[in-house]
Amino acid sequence: MRRQGSISLRSKIKLIECVLYKVMKGLTMVCLVGLLTMVTLQVLARFLRIRIVVDDLVTLLNVWMIFIGSSILVRDKSHVAIEVEGRLFAKSKILRISAILVTHGLVIFFLLFIIKSGMDIVKASFSAVTPMLRLPQWWWYLPLPLSGVLMLLWEVKNMLKALNSIIKEAEGDESSKSVGRKRSGGS
């Protein structure tokens, strides 16, 4: 029995997802604005023959913007997608399910590889520092496994949604067939 006022697990997950999405979008926007500001300052400084050192920060913001932005694209299904399952296998639900499992499975395998490789690179860079600002170099590599984990979560969610829609569609087809049989007097 649920107590009144308690939030369901599904609602908690949706809330976490919403907050995470807003944080990711905010971080991406901050990186973009910071990147544009630093590149503009760098161009102005070269024009005025003033030396400023922002190369490390430009690279850092660019890496974070690209990888966190990629996670947002996977969540929104706005990334490059393999859409063979819908068009090629429209009539066979088994083939559509198989195609979804294969295409999403390949993406999930690739993301697991990215996460593992990213963690190895982060570990290897713990003692390294950047050449100009002497900042810990692992900051530049951390977006790789972090975005890999985020993309993996969104990809699994997208795969489950696609499978669920096919299953619901199949259930709807079965119920409409049985209604048709009852109306025509069949068993």
C-alpha atoms as a PDB file:
ATOM      1  CA  MET A   1       0.000   0.000   0.000  1.00  0.00           C
ATOM      2  CA  ARG A   2       1.310   3.413  -0.889  1.00  0.00           C
ATOM      3  CA  ARG A   3       1.101   6.240   1.560  1.00  0.00           C
ATOM      4  CA  GLN A   4      -0.657   9.342   0.393  1.00  0.00           C
ATOM      5  CA  GLY A   5       1.807  11.935  -0.774  1.00  0.00           C
ATOM      6  CA  SER A   6       4.550   9.446  -1.614  1.00  0.00           C
ATOM      7  CA  ILE A   7       6.109   9.700  -5.046  1.00  0.00           C
ATOM      8  CA  SER A   8       6.249   6.619  -7.242  1.00  0.00           C
ATOM      9  CA  LEU A   9       9.569   5.258  -8.471  1.00  0.00           C
ATOM     10  CA  ARG A  10       8.640   6.179 -12.041  1.00  0.00           C
ATOM     11  CA  SER A  11       7.990   9.793 -10.977  1.00  0.00           C
ATOM     12  CA  LYS A  12      11.322   9.940  -9.148  1.00  0.00           C
ATOM     13  CA  ILE A  13      13.151   8.626 -12.200  1.00  0.00           C
ATOM     14  CA  LYS A  14      11.394  11.160 -14.435  1.00  0.00           C
ATOM     15  CA  LEU A  15      12.320  13.949 -12.012  1.00  0.00           C
ATOM     16  CA  ILE A  16      15.977  12.857 -11.936  1.00  0.00           C
ATOM     17  CA  GLU A  17      15.988  12.618 -15.725  1.00  0.00           C
ATOM     18  CA  CYS A  18      14.469  16.096 -16.049  1.00  0.00           C
ATOM     19  CA  VAL A  19      16.990  17.648 -13.649  1.00  0.00           C
ATOM     20  CA  LEU A  20      19.890  15.829 -15.324  1.00  0.00           C
ATOM     21  CA  TYR A  21      18.716  16.997 -18.743  1.00  0.00           C
ATOM     22  CA  LYS A  22      18.511  20.622 -17.575  1.00  0.00           C
ATOM     23  CA  VAL A  23      21.974  20.413 -16.006  1.00  0.00           C
ATOM     24  CA  MET A  24      23.383  18.933 -19.223  1.00  0.00           C
ATOM     25  CA  LYS A  25      21.767  21.633 -21.359  1.00  0.00           C
ATOM     26  CA  GLY A  26      22.971  24.343 -18.967  1.00  0.00           C
ATOM     27  CA  LEU A  27      26.514  22.966 -18.956  1.00  0.00           C
ATOM     28  CA  THR A  28      26.533  22.786 -22.736  1.00  0.00           C
ATOM     29  CA  MET A  29      25.329  26.385 -23.009  1.00  0.00           C
ATOM     30  CA  VAL A  30      27.923  27.592 -20.488  1.00  0.00           C
ATOM     31  CA  CYS A  31      30.619  25.807 -22.492  1.00  0.00           C
ATOM     32  CA  LEU A  32      29.386  27.388 -25.727  1.00  0.00           C
ATOM     33  CA  VAL A  33      29.275  30.912 -24.287  1.00  0.00           C
ATOM     34  CA  GLY A  34      32.673  30.429 -22.625  1.00  0.00           C
ATOM     35  CA  LEU A  35      34.126  29.053 -25.819  1.00  0.00           C
ATOM     36  CA  LEU A  36      32.843  31.957 -27.915  1.00  0.00           C
ATOM     37  CA  THR A  37      34.059  34.472 -25.330  1.00  0.00           C
ATOM     38  CA  MET A  38      37.550  32.986 -25.125  1.00  0.00           C
ATOM     39  CA  VAL A  39      37.987  32.639 -28.866  1.00  0.00           C
ATOM     40  CA  THR A  40      36.823  36.240 -29.315  1.00  0.00           C
ATOM     41  CA  LEU A  41      39.280  37.410 -26.653  1.00  0.00           C
ATOM     42  CA  GLN A  42      42.038  35.422 -28.284  1.00  0.00           C
ATOM     43  CA  VAL A  43      41.353  36.995 -31.694  1.00  0.00           C
ATOM     44  CA  LEU A  44      41.228  40.485 -30.176  1.00  0.00           C
ATOM     45  CA  ALA A  45      44.426  39.857 -28.226  1.00  0.00           C
ATOM     46  CA  ARG A  46      46.266  38.784 -31.380  1.00  0.00           C
ATOM     47  CA  PHE A  47      44.986  41.848 -33.196  1.00  0.00           C
ATOM     48  CA  LEU A  48      46.160  44.088 -30.338  1.00  0.00           C
ATOM     49  CA  ARG A  49      49.395  42.081 -29.986  1.00  0.00           C
ATOM     50  CA  ILE A  50      48.609  41.115 -26.392  1.00  0.00           C
ATOM     51  CA  ARG A  51      49.545  37.646 -25.198  1.00  0.00           C
ATOM     52  CA  ILE A  52      46.780  35.729 -23.416  1.00  0.00           C
ATOM     53  CA  VAL A  53      46.781  32.037 -22.706  1.00  0.00           C
ATOM     54  CA  VAL A  54      43.364  30.489 -23.258  1.00  0.00           C
ATOM     55  CA  ASP A  55      44.242  27.568 -25.543  1.00  0.00           C
ATOM     56  CA  ASP A  56      43.865  24.991 -22.772  1.00  0.00           C
ATOM     57  CA  LEU A  57      40.514  26.386 -21.681  1.00  0.00           C
ATOM     58  CA  VAL A  58      39.222  26.572 -25.251  1.00  0.00           C
ATOM     59  CA  THR A  59      40.073  22.911 -25.724  1.00  0.00           C
ATOM     60  CA  LEU A  60      38.521  21.980 -22.367  1.00  0.00           C
ATOM     61  CA  LEU A  61      35.243  23.777 -23.070  1.00  0.00           C
ATOM     62  CA  ASN A  62      35.095  22.378 -26.591  1.00  0.00           C
ATOM     63  CA  VAL A  63      35.520  18.782 -25.380  1.00  0.00           C
ATOM     64  CA  TRP A  64      32.889  19.143 -22.651  1.00  0.00           C
ATOM     65  CA  MET A  65      30.445  20.872 -25.013  1.00  0.00           C
ATOM     66  CA  ILE A  66      30.806  18.192 -27.694  1.00  0.00           C
ATOM     67  CA  PHE A  67      30.483  15.153 -25.449  1.00  0.00           C
ATOM     68  CA  ILE A  68      27.720  16.433 -23.169  1.00  0.00           C
ATOM     69  CA  GLY A  69      25.943  17.811 -26.256  1.00  0.00           C
ATOM     70  CA  SER A  70      26.185  14.364 -27.849  1.00  0.00           C
ATOM     71  CA  SER A  71      24.476  12.894 -24.790  1.00  0.00           C
ATOM     72  CA  ILE A  72      21.647  15.382 -25.222  1.00  0.00           C
ATOM     73  CA  LEU A  73      21.294  14.376 -28.876  1.00  0.00           C
ATOM     74  CA  VAL A  74      21.039  10.694 -27.939  1.00  0.00           C
ATOM     75  CA  ARG A  75      18.399  11.508 -25.319  1.00  0.00           C
ATOM     76  CA  ASP A  76      16.363  13.551 -27.798  1.00  0.00           C
ATOM     77  CA  LYS A  77      16.878  10.996 -30.593  1.00  0.00           C
ATOM     78  CA  SER A  78      18.347  13.815 -32.700  1.00  0.00           C
ATOM     79  CA  HIS A  79      21.630  12.066 -33.426  1.00  0.00           C
ATOM     80  CA  VAL A  80      22.477  10.118 -36.551  1.00  0.00           C
ATOM     81  CA  ALA A  81      20.285   7.049 -36.320  1.00  0.00           C
ATOM     82  CA  ILE A  82      19.962   3.707 -37.979  1.00  0.00           C
ATOM     83  CA  GLU A  83      16.343   3.568 -39.053  1.00  0.00           C
ATOM     84  CA  VAL A  84      16.207   0.304 -40.948  1.00  0.00           C
ATOM     85  CA  GLU A  85      13.867  -1.404 -38.521  1.00  0.00           C
ATOM     86  CA  GLY A  86      10.893   0.802 -39.369  1.00  0.00           C
ATOM     87  CA  ARG A  87      11.046   0.811 -43.152  1.00  0.00           C
ATOM     88  CA  LEU A  88      12.505  -2.542 -44.129  1.00  0.00           C
ATOM     89  CA  PHE A  89      10.651  -4.684 -41.651  1.00  0.00           C
ATOM     90  CA  ALA A  90       7.324  -2.875 -41.342  1.00  0.00           C
ATOM     91  CA  LYS A  91       5.192  -5.969 -41.863  1.00  0.00           C
ATOM     92  CA  SER A  92       7.017  -8.411 -39.609  1.00  0.00           C
ATOM     93  CA  LYS A  93       7.053  -7.617 -35.908  1.00  0.00           C
ATOM     94  CA  ILE A  94       9.671 -10.310 -35.212  1.00  0.00           C
ATOM     95  CA  LEU A  95      12.016  -8.781 -37.785  1.00  0.00           C
ATOM     96  CA  ARG A  96      11.377  -5.266 -36.405  1.00  0.00           C
ATOM     97  CA  ILE A  97      12.161  -6.437 -32.883  1.00  0.00           C
ATOM     98  CA  SER A  98      15.286  -8.219 -34.137  1.00  0.00           C
ATOM     99  CA  ALA A  99      16.428  -5.112 -36.010  1.00  0.00           C
ATOM    100  CA  ILE A 100      15.877  -2.938 -32.928  1.00  0.00           C
ATOM    101  CA  LEU A 101      17.837  -5.357 -30.764  1.00  0.00           C
ATOM    102  CA  VAL A 102      20.700  -5.548 -33.270  1.00  0.00           C
ATOM    103  CA  THR A 103      20.971  -1.810 -34.018  1.00  0.00           C
ATOM    104  CA  HIS A 104      20.600  -0.666 -30.424  1.00  0.00           C
ATOM    105  CA  GLY A 105      22.773  -3.572 -29.277  1.00  0.00           C
ATOM    106  CA  LEU A 106      25.598  -2.427 -31.547  1.00  0.00           C
ATOM    107  CA  VAL A 107      25.302   1.124 -30.230  1.00  0.00           C
ATOM    108  CA  ILE A 108      25.292  -0.160 -26.635  1.00  0.00           C
ATOM    109  CA  PHE A 109      28.387  -2.284 -27.338  1.00  0.00           C
ATOM    110  CA  PHE A 110      30.141   0.771 -28.823  1.00  0.00           C
ATOM    111  CA  LEU A 111      29.163   2.896 -25.800  1.00  0.00           C
ATOM    112  CA  LEU A 112      30.499   0.260 -23.390  1.00  0.00           C
ATOM    113  CA  PHE A 113      33.775   0.381 -25.321  1.00  0.00           C
ATOM    114  CA  ILE A 114      33.814   4.197 -25.065  1.00  0.00           C
ATOM    115  CA  ILE A 115      33.164   4.051 -21.311  1.00  0.00           C
ATOM    116  CA  LYS A 116      35.915   1.470 -20.718  1.00  0.00           C
ATOM    117  CA  SER A 117      38.432   3.262 -22.941  1.00  0.00           C
ATOM    118  CA  GLY A 118      37.514   6.624 -21.446  1.00  0.00           C
ATOM    119  CA  MET A 119      38.063   5.338 -17.916  1.00  0.00           C
ATOM    120  CA  ASP A 120      41.458   3.950 -18.949  1.00  0.00           C
ATOM    121  CA  ILE A 121      42.454   7.314 -20.447  1.00  0.00           C
ATOM    122  CA  VAL A 122      41.249   9.217 -17.364  1.00  0.00           C
ATOM    123  CA  LYS A 123      43.251   6.894 -15.081  1.00  0.00           C
ATOM    124  CA  ALA A 124      46.346   7.224 -17.255  1.00  0.00           C
ATOM    125  CA  SER A 125      46.150  11.027 -17.215  1.00  0.00           C
ATOM    126  CA  PHE A 126      45.879  11.527 -13.436  1.00  0.00           C
ATOM    127  CA  SER A 127      49.531  12.534 -13.092  1.00  0.00           C
ATOM    128  CA  ALA A 128      49.644  14.693 -16.254  1.00  0.00           C
ATOM    129  CA  VAL A 129      49.057  18.433 -16.391  1.00  0.00           C
ATOM    130  CA  THR A 130      48.302  20.753 -19.290  1.00  0.00           C
ATOM    131  CA  PRO A 131      51.253  22.555 -20.843  1.00  0.00           C
ATOM    132  CA  MET A 132      50.108  26.167 -20.424  1.00  0.00           C
ATOM    133  CA  LEU A 133      47.884  26.423 -17.367  1.00  0.00           C
ATOM    134  CA  ARG A 134      49.258  23.372 -15.517  1.00  0.00           C
ATOM    135  CA  LEU A 135      45.731  22.066 -14.840  1.00  0.00           C
ATOM    136  CA  PRO A 136      45.042  18.340 -14.260  1.00  0.00           C
ATOM    137  CA  GLN A 137      44.738  16.784 -17.701  1.00  0.00           C
ATOM    138  CA  TRP A 138      42.110  14.249 -16.654  1.00  0.00           C
ATOM    139  CA  TRP A 139      39.559  17.101 -16.763  1.00  0.00           C
ATOM    140  CA  TRP A 140      39.897  16.981 -20.552  1.00  0.00           C
ATOM    141  CA  TYR A 141      39.259  13.217 -20.698  1.00  0.00           C
ATOM    142  CA  LEU A 142      36.500  12.926 -18.095  1.00  0.00           C
ATOM    143  CA  PRO A 143      33.688  13.839 -20.548  1.00  0.00           C
ATOM    144  CA  LEU A 144      34.408  10.676 -22.549  1.00  0.00           C
ATOM    145  CA  PRO A 145      33.305   8.084 -19.949  1.00  0.00           C
ATOM    146  CA  LEU A 146      30.774  10.480 -18.399  1.00  0.00           C
ATOM    147  CA  SER A 147      28.977  11.100 -21.673  1.00  0.00           C
ATOM    148  CA  GLY A 148      29.331   7.405 -22.513  1.00  0.00           C
ATOM    149  CA  VAL A 149      27.393   6.487 -19.363  1.00  0.00           C
ATOM    150  CA  LEU A 150      24.738   9.122 -20.087  1.00  0.00           C
ATOM    151  CA  MET A 151      24.387   7.999 -23.723  1.00  0.00           C
ATOM    152  CA  LEU A 152      24.181   4.369 -22.577  1.00  0.00           C
ATOM    153  CA  LEU A 153      21.313   5.183 -20.210  1.00  0.00           C
ATOM    154  CA  TRP A 154      19.416   7.117 -22.903  1.00  0.00           C
ATOM    155  CA  GLU A 155      20.105   4.410 -25.515  1.00  0.00           C
ATOM    156  CA  VAL A 156      18.751   1.641 -23.278  1.00  0.00           C
ATOM    157  CA  LYS A 157      15.694   3.775 -22.546  1.00  0.00           C
ATOM    158  CA  ASN A 158      15.161   4.466 -26.274  1.00  0.00           C
ATOM    159  CA  MET A 159      15.522   0.758 -27.096  1.00  0.00           C
ATOM    160  CA  LEU A 160      13.014  -0.250 -24.421  1.00  0.00           C
ATOM    161  CA  LYS A 161      10.556   2.389 -25.648  1.00  0.00           C
ATOM    162  CA  ALA A 162      10.878   1.135 -29.234  1.00  0.00           C
ATOM    163  CA  LEU A 163      10.351  -2.479 -28.158  1.00  0.00           C
ATOM    164  CA  ASN A 164       7.426  -1.498 -25.949  1.00  0.00           C
ATOM    165  CA  SER A 165       5.708   0.361 -28.799  1.00  0.00           C
ATOM    166  CA  ILE A 166       5.981  -2.693 -31.064  1.00  0.00           C
ATOM    167  CA  ILE A 167       4.601  -4.961 -28.344  1.00  0.00           C
ATOM    168  CA  LYS A 168       1.697  -2.585 -27.658  1.00  0.00           C
ATOM    169  CA  GLU A 169       1.054  -2.321 -31.393  1.00  0.00           C
ATOM    170  CA  ALA A 170       0.959  -6.136 -31.609  1.00  0.00           C
ATOM    171  CA  GLU A 171      -1.447  -6.312 -28.670  1.00  0.00           C
ATOM    172  CA  GLY A 172      -3.669  -3.718 -30.363  1.00  0.00           C
ATOM    173  CA  ASP A 173      -3.636  -5.738 -33.592  1.00  0.00           C
ATOM    174  CA  GLU A 174      -4.622  -8.901 -31.712  1.00  0.00           C
ATOM    175  CA  SER A 175      -7.491  -7.203 -29.875  1.00  0.00           C
ATOM    176  CA  SER A 176      -8.824  -5.638 -33.081  1.00  0.00           C
ATOM    177  CA  LYS A 177      -8.702  -9.058 -34.798  1.00  0.00           C
ATOM    178  CA  SER A 178     -10.625 -10.675 -31.964  1.00  0.00           C
ATOM    179  CA  VAL A 179     -13.242  -7.882 -32.041  1.00  0.00           C
ATOM    180  CA  GLY A 180     -13.576  -8.404 -35.804  1.00  0.00           C
ATOM    181  CA  ARG A 181     -14.083 -12.135 -35.302  1.00  0.00           C
ATOM    182  CA  LYS A 182     -16.788 -11.549 -32.680  1.00  0.00           C
ATOM    183  CA  ARG A 183     -18.657  -9.128 -34.947  1.00  0.00           C
ATOM    184  CA  SER A 184     -18.563 -11.516 -37.884  1.00  0.00           C
ATOM    185  CA  GLY A 185     -19.833 -14.348 -35.722  1.00  0.00           C
ATOM    186  CA  GLY A 186     -16.574 -16.314 -35.774  1.00  0.00           C
ATOM    187  CA  SER A 187     -14.957 -17.869 -32.746  1.00  0.00           C
END
